[in-house]
C-alpha atoms as a PDB file:
ATOM      1  CA  MET A   1       0.358   0.284  -0.523  1.00  0.00           C
ATOM      2  CA  LEU A   2       3.057   2.480   0.417  1.00  0.00           C
ATOM      3  CA  GLU A   3       4.469   1.411  -2.201  1.00  0.00           C
ATOM      4  CA  ARG A   4       1.199   2.847  -4.753  1.00  0.00           C
ATOM      5  CA  ILE A   5       1.158   6.121  -2.186  1.00  0.00           C
ATOM      6  CA  GLN A   6       4.982   6.339  -3.066  1.00  0.00           C
ATOM      7  CA  ALA A   7       4.023   6.139  -6.817  1.00  0.00           C
ATOM      8  CA  VAL A   8       0.849   8.513  -6.264  1.00  0.00           C
ATOM      9  CA  ALA A   9       3.577  10.673  -4.947  1.00  0.00           C
ATOM     10  CA  ALA A  10       5.641  10.634  -8.188  1.00  0.00           C
ATOM     11  CA  GLN A  11       4.103  11.015 -10.782  1.00  0.00           C
ATOM     12  CA  VAL A  12       1.748  14.113  -9.534  1.00  0.00           C
ATOM     13  CA  GLY A  13       5.910  15.582  -8.465  1.00  0.00           C
ATOM     14  CA  THR A  14       6.394  15.003 -12.536  1.00  0.00           C
ATOM     15  CA  VAL A  15       3.437  17.993 -13.185  1.00  0.00           C
ATOM     16  CA  VAL A  16       3.905  19.025 -10.202  1.00  0.00           C
ATOM     17  CA  VAL A  17       7.237  20.232 -10.381  1.00  0.00           C
ATOM     18  CA  GLY A  18       9.652  21.450  -7.066  1.00  0.00           C
ATOM     19  CA  LYS A  19       6.188  21.104  -4.917  1.00  0.00           C
ATOM     20  CA  GLN A  20       6.722  17.686  -2.922  1.00  0.00           C
ATOM     21  CA  PRO A  21       6.479  18.534   0.402  1.00  0.00           C
ATOM     22  CA  GLN A  22       3.638  20.480  -0.458  1.00  0.00           C
ATOM     23  CA  ILE A  23       1.878  17.051  -2.862  1.00  0.00           C
ATOM     24  CA  ARG A  24       2.987  15.276   0.703  1.00  0.00           C
ATOM     25  CA  LEU A  25       1.121  17.341   3.108  1.00  0.00           C
ATOM     26  CA  ALA A  26      -2.067  17.373   0.733  1.00  0.00           C
ATOM     27  CA  LEU A  27      -1.395  13.355   0.259  1.00  0.00           C
ATOM     28  CA  ALA A  28      -1.116  13.182   4.012  1.00  0.00           C
ATOM     29  CA  CYS A  29      -4.460  15.688   4.005  1.00  0.00           C
ATOM     30  CA  LEU A  30      -7.087  13.127   1.844  1.00  0.00           C
ATOM     31  CA  LEU A  31      -5.639  10.039   3.726  1.00  0.00           C
ATOM     32  CA  ALA A  32      -6.877  11.225   6.602  1.00  0.00           C
ATOM     33  CA  ARG A  33     -10.525  12.193   4.541  1.00  0.00           C
ATOM     34  CA  GLY A  34      -9.421  15.985   5.160  1.00  0.00           C
ATOM     35  CA  HIS A  35     -10.691  18.131   3.243  1.00  0.00           C
ATOM     36  CA  LEU A  36      -7.568  20.487   1.251  1.00  0.00           C
ATOM     37  CA  LEU A  37      -7.324  24.377   0.855  1.00  0.00           C
ATOM     38  CA  ILE A  38      -5.185  25.332  -1.579  1.00  0.00           C
ATOM     39  CA  GLU A  39      -4.730  29.438  -1.202  1.00  0.00           C
ATOM     40  CA  ASP A  40      -1.799  31.335  -3.347  1.00  0.00           C
ATOM     41  CA  LEU A  41      -1.805  33.543  -6.788  1.00  0.00           C
ATOM     42  CA  PRO A  42      -2.850  32.705  -9.049  1.00  0.00           C
ATOM     43  CA  GLY A  43      -0.943  30.871 -12.206  1.00  0.00           C
ATOM     44  CA  VAL A  44       0.889  28.528  -9.970  1.00  0.00           C
ATOM     45  CA  GLY A  45       0.047  25.592 -10.509  1.00  0.00           C
ATOM     46  CA  LYS A  46      -2.525  25.248  -7.772  1.00  0.00           C
ATOM     47  CA  THR A  47      -6.069  23.920  -9.893  1.00  0.00           C
ATOM     48  CA  THR A  48      -3.752  21.152 -11.515  1.00  0.00           C
ATOM     49  CA  LEU A  49      -2.980  20.029  -8.208  1.00  0.00           C
ATOM     50  CA  ALA A  50      -5.687  18.723  -7.658  1.00  0.00           C
ATOM     51  CA  GLN A  51      -6.355  17.260 -10.783  1.00  0.00           C
ATOM     52  CA  ALA A  52      -3.109  15.071 -11.088  1.00  0.00           C
ATOM     53  CA  LEU A  53      -4.399  14.018  -7.471  1.00  0.00           C
ATOM     54  CA  SER A  54      -7.219  13.221  -8.353  1.00  0.00           C
ATOM     55  CA  ILE A  55      -6.408  11.383 -12.174  1.00  0.00           C
ATOM     56  CA  SER A  56      -3.932   9.605  -9.873  1.00  0.00           C
ATOM     57  CA  LEU A  57      -5.995   8.235  -7.000  1.00  0.00           C
ATOM     58  CA  GLY A  58      -8.697   7.465  -9.393  1.00  0.00           C
ATOM     59  CA  LEU A  59     -10.599   8.723  -8.352  1.00  0.00           C
ATOM     60  CA  ALA A  60     -13.890  10.520 -10.261  1.00  0.00           C
ATOM     61  CA  PHE A  61     -13.260  14.310 -11.067  1.00  0.00           C
ATOM     62  CA  LYS A  62     -15.214  17.243 -11.297  1.00  0.00           C
ATOM     63  CA  ARG A  63     -14.788  21.570 -11.401  1.00  0.00           C
ATOM     64  CA  VAL A  64     -16.485  24.130 -11.014  1.00  0.00           C
ATOM     65  CA  GLN A  65     -15.947  27.605 -11.188  1.00  0.00           C
ATOM     66  CA  PHE A  66     -17.185  29.448  -8.723  1.00  0.00           C
ATOM     67  CA  THR A  67     -18.280  33.164  -9.582  1.00  0.00           C
ATOM     68  CA  ASN A  68     -20.581  36.309  -7.319  1.00  0.00           C
ATOM     69  CA  ASP A  69     -23.595  34.790 -10.233  1.00  0.00           C
ATOM     70  CA  LEU A  70     -23.115  30.810  -9.705  1.00  0.00           C
ATOM     71  CA  LEU A  71     -26.392  29.120  -7.319  1.00  0.00           C
ATOM     72  CA  PRO A  72     -26.851  26.236  -4.164  1.00  0.00           C
ATOM     73  CA  ALA A  73     -28.650  24.263  -7.257  1.00  0.00           C
ATOM     74  CA  ASP A  74     -25.570  25.139 -10.271  1.00  0.00           C
ATOM     75  CA  ILE A  75     -23.576  22.249  -6.781  1.00  0.00           C
ATOM     76  CA  VAL A  76     -26.162  19.963  -5.140  1.00  0.00           C
ATOM     77  CA  GLY A  77     -28.904  19.402  -7.559  1.00  0.00           C
ATOM     78  CA  VAL A  78     -32.211  20.710  -8.464  1.00  0.00           C
ATOM     79  CA  SER A  79     -35.667  19.166  -8.383  1.00  0.00           C
ATOM     80  CA  VAL A  80     -37.244  19.141 -11.872  1.00  0.00           C
ATOM     81  CA  PHE A  81     -40.570  18.289 -12.872  1.00  0.00           C
ATOM     82  CA  GLU A  82     -41.025  15.861 -15.719  1.00  0.00           C
ATOM     83  CA  ARG A  83     -44.283  16.546 -17.561  1.00  0.00           C
ATOM     84  CA  ASP A  84     -44.361  13.032 -19.349  1.00  0.00           C
ATOM     85  CA  ASN A  85     -44.164  11.060 -15.574  1.00  0.00           C
ATOM     86  CA  ASN A  86     -45.774  14.382 -13.779  1.00  0.00           C
ATOM     87  CA  ARG A  87     -43.401  14.297 -11.038  1.00  0.00           C
ATOM     88  CA  PHE A  88     -40.544  16.068 -10.161  1.00  0.00           C
ATOM     89  CA  THR A  89     -36.962  14.585 -11.210  1.00  0.00           C
ATOM     90  CA  PHE A  90     -33.795  15.557  -9.064  1.00  0.00           C
ATOM     91  CA  HIS A  91     -30.610  16.269 -10.705  1.00  0.00           C
ATOM     92  CA  PRO A  92     -27.432  15.596  -8.625  1.00  0.00           C
ATOM     93  CA  GLY A  93     -25.317  18.154  -9.637  1.00  0.00           C
ATOM     94  CA  PRO A  94     -20.728  18.004  -9.242  1.00  0.00           C
ATOM     95  CA  VAL A  95     -21.150  17.802  -5.980  1.00  0.00           C
ATOM     96  CA  PHE A  96     -22.091  14.339  -6.615  1.00  0.00           C
ATOM     97  CA  SER A  97     -18.200  13.182  -7.101  1.00  0.00           C
ATOM     98  CA  GLN A  98     -15.376  11.469  -5.326  1.00  0.00           C
ATOM     99  CA  VAL A  99     -13.010  14.814  -6.173  1.00  0.00           C
ATOM    100  CA  LEU A 100     -15.168  18.109  -6.240  1.00  0.00           C
ATOM    101  CA  LEU A 101     -12.928  20.570  -7.375  1.00  0.00           C
ATOM    102  CA  ALA A 102     -13.822  24.043  -6.186  1.00  0.00           C
ATOM    103  CA  ASP A 103     -11.731  27.288  -8.205  1.00  0.00           C
ATOM    104  CA  GLU A 104     -11.290  30.320  -6.791  1.00  0.00           C
ATOM    105  CA  ILE A 105     -14.003  29.376  -4.333  1.00  0.00           C
ATOM    106  CA  ASN A 106     -13.553  32.966  -2.646  1.00  0.00           C
ATOM    107  CA  ARG A 107     -14.466  34.258  -5.748  1.00  0.00           C
ATOM    108  CA  ALA A 108     -18.534  33.257  -4.954  1.00  0.00           C
ATOM    109  CA  SER A 109     -20.909  34.239  -2.499  1.00  0.00           C
ATOM    110  CA  PRO A 110     -21.059  33.765   0.966  1.00  0.00           C
ATOM    111  CA  LYS A 111     -25.146  31.654   0.052  1.00  0.00           C
ATOM    112  CA  THR A 112     -23.596  29.869  -2.539  1.00  0.00           C
ATOM    113  CA  GLN A 113     -20.338  29.029  -0.426  1.00  0.00           C
ATOM    114  CA  SER A 114     -22.407  27.575   2.098  1.00  0.00           C
ATOM    115  CA  ALA A 115     -23.886  25.114  -0.302  1.00  0.00           C
ATOM    116  CA  LEU A 116     -20.750  23.234   0.689  1.00  0.00           C
ATOM    117  CA  LEU A 117     -21.247  23.153   5.111  1.00  0.00           C
ATOM    118  CA  GLU A 118     -23.617  19.515   4.893  1.00  0.00           C
ATOM    119  CA  ALA A 119     -21.256  17.740   1.913  1.00  0.00           C
ATOM    120  CA  MET A 120     -17.786  18.983   3.522  1.00  0.00           C
ATOM    121  CA  GLU A 121     -19.294  18.134   6.811  1.00  0.00           C
ATOM    122  CA  GLU A 122     -21.415  15.142   6.843  1.00  0.00           C
ATOM    123  CA  ARG A 123     -21.486  13.678   3.677  1.00  0.00           C
ATOM    124  CA  GLN A 124     -23.973  13.924   2.337  1.00  0.00           C
ATOM    125  CA  VAL A 125     -27.283  16.750   0.424  1.00  0.00           C
ATOM    126  CA  SER A 126     -30.415  17.833   1.799  1.00  0.00           C
ATOM    127  CA  ILE A 127     -32.543  18.874  -1.536  1.00  0.00           C
ATOM    128  CA  ASP A 128     -36.288  18.674  -1.020  1.00  0.00           C
ATOM    129  CA  GLY A 129     -36.697  17.289   2.392  1.00  0.00           C
ATOM    130  CA  ALA A 130     -34.398  14.377   1.351  1.00  0.00           C
ATOM    131  CA  SER A 131     -30.895  13.504   2.601  1.00  0.00           C
ATOM    132  CA  ARG A 132     -28.884  12.598  -0.576  1.00  0.00           C
ATOM    133  CA  ARG A 133     -25.403  10.244   0.846  1.00  0.00           C
ATOM    134  CA  LEU A 134     -22.170  11.143  -1.757  1.00  0.00           C
ATOM    135  CA  PRO A 135     -19.860   9.061  -2.774  1.00  0.00           C
ATOM    136  CA  ASP A 136     -17.472   7.743  -0.898  1.00  0.00           C
ATOM    137  CA  PRO A 137     -14.120   8.977  -0.820  1.00  0.00           C
ATOM    138  CA  PHE A 138     -15.690  12.337  -2.122  1.00  0.00           C
ATOM    139  CA  PHE A 139     -13.359  15.509  -0.735  1.00  0.00           C
ATOM    140  CA  VAL A 140     -13.620  18.930  -1.632  1.00  0.00           C
ATOM    141  CA  ILE A 141     -10.192  20.397  -2.486  1.00  0.00           C
ATOM    142  CA  ALA A 142     -10.791  24.875  -3.562  1.00  0.00           C
ATOM    143  CA  THR A 143      -8.424  27.201  -4.324  1.00  0.00           C
ATOM    144  CA  GLN A 144      -8.382  30.414  -3.272  1.00  0.00           C
ATOM    145  CA  ASN A 145      -7.343  33.444  -3.497  1.00  0.00           C
ATOM    146  CA  PRO A 146      -5.361  36.064  -2.409  1.00  0.00           C
ATOM    147  CA  GLN A 147      -7.976  37.855   0.052  1.00  0.00           C
ATOM    148  CA  ASP A 148      -7.313  41.785  -1.183  1.00  0.00           C
ATOM    149  CA  GLN A 149      -7.804  40.503  -4.762  1.00  0.00           C
ATOM    150  CA  ILE A 150     -10.608  41.823  -5.927  1.00  0.00           C
ATOM    151  CA  GLY A 151     -13.622  40.454  -6.459  1.00  0.00           C
ATOM    152  CA  THR A 152     -13.662  38.122  -3.990  1.00  0.00           C
ATOM    153  CA  PHE A 153     -15.456  36.982  -0.325  1.00  0.00           C
ATOM    154  CA  PRO A 154     -14.049  36.112   2.660  1.00  0.00           C
ATOM    155  CA  LEU A 155     -14.893  32.095   3.759  1.00  0.00           C
ATOM    156  CA  PRO A 156     -16.138  32.086   7.021  1.00  0.00           C
ATOM    157  CA  GLU A 157     -14.832  30.484   9.988  1.00  0.00           C
ATOM    158  CA  SER A 158     -17.221  27.547   9.628  1.00  0.00           C
ATOM    159  CA  GLN A 159     -16.383  26.606   6.179  1.00  0.00           C
ATOM    160  CA  LEU A 160     -11.785  27.454   6.985  1.00  0.00           C
ATOM    161  CA  ASP A 161     -12.356  24.317   9.552  1.00  0.00           C
ATOM    162  CA  ARG A 162     -13.689  22.344   7.582  1.00  0.00           C
ATOM    163  CA  PHE A 163     -11.016  22.065   5.910  1.00  0.00           C
ATOM    164  CA  LEU A 164      -8.809  19.488   7.479  1.00  0.00           C
ATOM    165  CA  MET A 165      -5.691  21.553   5.864  1.00  0.00           C
ATOM    166  CA  CYS A 166      -4.025  25.449   4.276  1.00  0.00           C
ATOM    167  CA  ILE A 167      -1.385  25.474   2.068  1.00  0.00           C
ATOM    168  CA  GLU A 168       0.299  27.593  -0.154  1.00  0.00           C
ATOM    169  CA  LEU A 169       2.391  26.091  -3.031  1.00  0.00           C
ATOM    170  CA  GLY A 170       4.566  29.555  -3.927  1.00  0.00           C
ATOM    171  CA  TYR A 171       6.610  30.592  -6.160  1.00  0.00           C
ATOM    172  CA  PRO A 172       8.018  28.049  -8.418  1.00  0.00           C
ATOM    173  CA  ASP A 173      12.819  27.708  -7.298  1.00  0.00           C
ATOM    174  CA  PRO A 174      15.122  28.489 -10.339  1.00  0.00           C
ATOM    175  CA  LYS A 175      15.586  25.096 -11.005  1.00  0.00           C
ATOM    176  CA  ALA A 176      11.717  23.576 -10.708  1.00  0.00           C
ATOM    177  CA  GLU A 177      10.434  26.962 -12.860  1.00  0.00           C
ATOM    178  CA  ARG A 178      13.554  25.902 -16.010  1.00  0.00           C
ATOM    179  CA  THR A 179      11.861  22.959 -16.348  1.00  0.00           C
ATOM    180  CA  LEU A 180       8.022  24.442 -16.252  1.00  0.00           C
ATOM    181  CA  LEU A 181       9.829  26.670 -18.778  1.00  0.00           C
ATOM    182  CA  GLU A 182      11.684  23.397 -21.421  1.00  0.00           C
ATOM    183  CA  GLY A 183       8.545  21.323 -20.445  1.00  0.00           C
ATOM    184  CA  HIS A 184       5.506  20.542 -22.262  1.00  0.00           C
ATOM    185  CA  ASP A 185       2.780  22.136 -21.684  1.00  0.00           C
ATOM    186  CA  ARG A 186       1.002  21.127 -17.956  1.00  0.00           C
ATOM    187  CA  ARG A 187      -2.510  20.054 -19.665  1.00  0.00           C
ATOM    188  CA  GLU A 188      -0.933  17.700 -22.286  1.00  0.00           C
ATOM    189  CA  LEU A 189       1.544  15.770 -19.411  1.00  0.00           C
ATOM    190  CA  LEU A 190      -1.961  15.903 -17.378  1.00  0.00           C
ATOM    191  CA  SER A 191      -3.435  13.486 -20.340  1.00  0.00           C
ATOM    192  CA  SER A 192      -0.948  10.982 -20.256  1.00  0.00           C
ATOM    193  CA  ILE A 193      -0.868  10.103 -16.308  1.00  0.00           C
ATOM    194  CA  LYS A 194      -2.612   6.871 -15.082  1.00  0.00           C
ATOM    195  CA  PRO A 195      -4.283   6.453 -11.766  1.00  0.00           C
ATOM    196  CA  LYS A 196      -1.164   4.357  -9.702  1.00  0.00           C
ATOM    197  CA  MET A 197      -4.546   3.599  -6.959  1.00  0.00           C
ATOM    198  CA  THR A 198      -8.242   2.765  -7.185  1.00  0.00           C
ATOM    199  CA  ALA A 199     -10.303   4.375  -5.183  1.00  0.00           C
ATOM    200  CA  GLY A 200     -11.188   1.428  -3.142  1.00  0.00           C
ATOM    201  CA  GLU A 201      -8.069   0.674  -2.027  1.00  0.00           C
ATOM    202  CA  LEU A 202      -7.252   4.445  -0.824  1.00  0.00           C
ATOM    203  CA  VAL A 203     -10.084   3.753   1.772  1.00  0.00           C
ATOM    204  CA  ASP A 204      -8.925   0.985   2.004  1.00  0.00           C
ATOM    205  CA  ALA A 205      -4.939   3.648   3.011  1.00  0.00           C
ATOM    206  CA  GLN A 206      -7.836   6.030   5.296  1.00  0.00           C
ATOM    207  CA  ALA A 207      -8.315   2.918   7.331  1.00  0.00           C
ATOM    208  CA  SER A 208      -5.694   1.568   8.192  1.00  0.00           C
ATOM    209  CA  LEU A 209      -5.325   5.177  10.271  1.00  0.00           C
ATOM    210  CA  LYS A 210      -6.661   3.082  13.022  1.00  0.00           C
ATOM    211  CA  LEU A 211      -3.896   1.061  13.820  1.00  0.00           C
ATOM    212  CA  ILE A 212      -1.586   3.728  13.435  1.00  0.00           C
ATOM    213  CA  ARG A 213      -0.381   3.767  17.388  1.00  0.00           C
ATOM    214  CA  THR A 214      -0.596   7.316  19.452  1.00  0.00           C
ATOM    215  CA  ALA A 215       0.709   7.023  22.870  1.00  0.00           C
ATOM    216  CA  PRO A 216      -0.515   9.424  25.811  1.00  0.00           C
ATOM    217  CA  ALA A 217       2.627  11.560  26.328  1.00  0.00           C
ATOM    218  CA  LEU A 218       1.631  12.291  22.501  1.00  0.00           C
ATOM    219  CA  LEU A 219      -1.815  12.662  22.652  1.00  0.00           C
ATOM    220  CA  ASP A 220      -0.441  15.610  25.923  1.00  0.00           C
ATOM    221  CA  TYR A 221       1.227  17.418  23.443  1.00  0.00           C
ATOM    222  CA  VAL A 222      -1.193  18.202  21.440  1.00  0.00           C
ATOM    223  CA  GLN A 223      -4.145  18.704  23.888  1.00  0.00           C
ATOM    224  CA  ASN A 224      -0.946  21.136  25.486  1.00  0.00           C
ATOM    225  CA  LEU A 225      -1.526  22.632  21.977  1.00  0.00           C
ATOM    226  CA  LEU A 226      -4.804  23.457  22.160  1.00  0.00           C
ATOM    227  CA  THR A 227      -5.083  24.475  25.162  1.00  0.00           C
ATOM    228  CA  HIS A 228      -2.261  26.327  24.767  1.00  0.00           C
ATOM    229  CA  SER A 229      -3.806  28.809  21.875  1.00  0.00           C
ATOM    230  CA  ARG A 230      -7.449  29.672  24.267  1.00  0.00           C
ATOM    231  CA  ARG A 231      -4.958  30.687  26.849  1.00  0.00           C
ATOM    232  CA  SER A 232      -2.343  32.206  24.715  1.00  0.00           C
ATOM    233  CA  PRO A 233      -3.265  36.134  24.623  1.00  0.00           C
ATOM    234  CA  LEU A 234      -1.420  36.722  21.555  1.00  0.00           C
ATOM    235  CA  PHE A 235      -4.939  34.440  19.890  1.00  0.00           C
ATOM    236  CA  ALA A 236      -8.266  35.827  19.629  1.00  0.00           C
ATOM    237  CA  GLU A 237      -9.810  32.436  18.984  1.00  0.00           C
ATOM    238  CA  GLY A 238      -8.443  29.014  20.534  1.00  0.00           C
ATOM    239  CA  LEU A 239      -8.012  26.246  18.132  1.00  0.00           C
ATOM    240  CA  SER A 240     -11.235  24.406  18.841  1.00  0.00           C
ATOM    241  CA  PRO A 241     -11.240  19.994  19.563  1.00  0.00           C
ATOM    242  CA  ARG A 242     -12.794  19.547  16.006  1.00  0.00           C
ATOM    243  CA  ALA A 243      -8.320  21.397  15.011  1.00  0.00           C
ATOM    244  CA  GLY A 244      -7.473  18.580  17.985  1.00  0.00           C
ATOM    245  CA  LEU A 245      -8.949  16.018  15.937  1.00  0.00           C
ATOM    246  CA  ALA A 246      -7.550  17.351  12.563  1.00  0.00           C
ATOM    247  CA  LEU A 247      -4.968  17.410  14.445  1.00  0.00           C
ATOM    248  CA  LEU A 248      -4.124  13.779  15.368  1.00  0.00           C
ATOM    249  CA  GLN A 249      -5.623  12.150  11.892  1.00  0.00           C
ATOM    250  CA  ALA A 250      -3.445  14.400   9.696  1.00  0.00           C
ATOM    251  CA  ALA A 251      -0.105  12.918  12.182  1.00  0.00           C
ATOM    252  CA  ARG A 252      -0.991  10.175  11.587  1.00  0.00           C
ATOM    253  CA  ALA A 253      -0.995   9.802   8.015  1.00  0.00           C
ATOM    254  CA  TRP A 254       2.094  11.531   8.113  1.00  0.00           C
ATOM    255  CA  ALA A 255       2.753   8.083   9.720  1.00  0.00           C
ATOM    256  CA  LEU A 256       2.001   6.493   7.224  1.00  0.00           C
ATOM    257  CA  LEU A 257       4.329   8.792   4.589  1.00  0.00           C
ATOM    258  CA  ASP A 258       6.889   7.629   6.272  1.00  0.00           C
ATOM    259  CA  GLY A 259       5.357   3.566   7.231  1.00  0.00           C
ATOM    260  CA  ARG A 260       5.617   3.408  10.650  1.00  0.00           C
ATOM    261  CA  ASN A 261       3.085   2.624  13.141  1.00  0.00           C
ATOM    262  CA  HIS A 262       3.139   4.724  15.975  1.00  0.00           C
ATOM    263  CA  VAL A 263       3.533   8.973  15.657  1.00  0.00           C
ATOM    264  CA  LEU A 264       6.136  10.553  16.635  1.00  0.00           C
ATOM    265  CA  PRO A 265       5.834  15.001  18.550  1.00  0.00           C
ATOM    266  CA  ASP A 266       8.127  15.327  14.398  1.00  0.00           C
ATOM    267  CA  ASP A 267       4.956  14.316  12.442  1.00  0.00           C
ATOM    268  CA  VAL A 268       2.375  16.508  14.324  1.00  0.00           C
ATOM    269  CA  GLN A 269       4.838  19.241  13.922  1.00  0.00           C
ATOM    270  CA  ALA A 270       5.104  18.855  10.356  1.00  0.00           C
ATOM    271  CA  VAL A 271       1.683  18.930  10.010  1.00  0.00           C
ATOM    272  CA  LEU A 272       0.724  22.006  12.440  1.00  0.00           C
ATOM    273  CA  THR A 273       0.861  25.008  10.021  1.00  0.00           C
ATOM    274  CA  ALA A 274      -1.610  23.524   8.091  1.00  0.00           C
ATOM    275  CA  VAL A 275      -3.701  22.019   9.644  1.00  0.00           C
ATOM    276  CA  THR A 276      -3.866  25.720  12.440  1.00  0.00           C
ATOM    277  CA  GLY A 277      -2.919  28.532  10.415  1.00  0.00           C
ATOM    278  CA  HIS A 278      -6.275  28.628   9.046  1.00  0.00           C
ATOM    279  CA  ARG A 279      -7.819  28.064  12.301  1.00  0.00           C
ATOM    280  CA  LEU A 280      -6.352  30.277  14.826  1.00  0.00           C
ATOM    281  CA  LYS A 281      -7.065  34.600  14.468  1.00  0.00           C
ATOM    282  CA  PRO A 282      -4.601  36.935  16.167  1.00  0.00           C
ATOM    283  CA  ALA A 283      -5.189  39.947  18.470  1.00  0.00           C
ATOM    284  CA  LYS A 284      -4.358  42.045  17.275  1.00  0.00           C
ATOM    285  CA  GLY A 285      -4.049  43.165  13.196  1.00  0.00           C
ATOM    286  CA  ALA A 286      -5.338  40.241  10.865  1.00  0.00           C
ATOM    287  CA  ALA A 287      -3.077  37.339   9.713  1.00  0.00           C
ATOM    288  CA  THR A 288      -4.202  36.890   5.922  1.00  0.00           C
ATOM    289  CA  SER A 289      -1.010  36.039   4.451  1.00  0.00           C
ATOM    290  CA  HIS A 290       0.824  32.417   4.593  1.00  0.00           C
ATOM    291  CA  ARG A 291       3.693  33.836   6.000  1.00  0.00           C
ATOM    292  CA  ALA A 292       1.512  36.253   8.738  1.00  0.00           C
ATOM    293  CA  ARG A 293       0.053  32.908   9.898  1.00  0.00           C
ATOM    294  CA  ALA A 294       3.260  29.901   9.454  1.00  0.00           C
ATOM    295  CA  GLU A 295       4.594  32.515  12.412  1.00  0.00           C
ATOM    296  CA  MET A 296       1.641  32.979  14.600  1.00  0.00           C
ATOM    297  CA  VAL A 297       1.971  28.573  14.529  1.00  0.00           C
ATOM    298  CA  ALA A 298       5.717  29.096  14.947  1.00  0.00           C
ATOM    299  CA  GLU A 299       5.161  30.998  17.872  1.00  0.00           C
ATOM    300  CA  LEU A 300       2.376  28.780  18.984  1.00  0.00           C
ATOM    301  CA  SER A 301       4.772  25.171  18.818  1.00  0.00           C
ATOM    302  CA  LYS A 302       7.621  27.409  20.876  1.00  0.00           C
ATOM    303  CA  SER A 303       5.572  28.305  23.388  1.00  0.00           C
ATOM    304  CA  VAL A 304       4.698  24.733  24.277  1.00  0.00           C
ATOM    305  CA  GLY A 305       7.710  21.566  25.830  1.00  0.00           C
ATOM    306  CA  VAL A 306       7.871  18.989  22.616  1.00  0.00           C
ATOM    307  CA  PRO A 307       7.426  15.683  25.059  1.00  0.00           C
END
């Protein structure tokens, strides 16, 4: 199983070059059954990463371009009256896929953003008084432009909290950028790659996280991080219990990627910024950039002793 996961990471790395740490975080997020938010400037490969991951994992993929006139029904679906049958028939929207790419999610209105809340938390949607289950596995991979760009709506806290991780790709280093300039078009590469796993194998890998041990001292460490975030004057709001569960699950996934059956403090630290940066609020000002959030999480990490 580990070999297949590593093959997925290697293949995605041939499409999104020079971003192995971000690819590994994204894989850990999906292994932990979490949703992924990719925040960065246009043109750095956010959509390409989402597409490469879905193809390599053998998952059904649908994309929705979020705009300010997008309606909730455009995402979840709509019931249409059919005169011949004299009844309403439900036409499922793109959310009924294994991977939903919510491209530029913060360009849609808050009302449309909220259409994903139930889907992301309960993996179902309620329409016309009926609950409809979503496929398993089900992931939302959302891309987001910086909030200072024209035509964006900030994601509410309830929406942000449903993303297990938020990562940034950043500009490529000179070597990776040279490879991009000299190489093939990324869209051509996407059409040539093949699945390295099946959806069933991914579900099995997700289930195996339950077998990865977390020692009492490790649980104490995670709990101390949560407690300090709630008591520290640096933060306006502390981390929620959901954030603690997300941190543990992401750390288990990181341990799995290393081929271990137990979680180390290093695993927690490896995923700490991606899991908690978008959930923490500074007491003063606003940590709008990825760098500012990383510095805030670094202060939290330094304040809590490592077992």
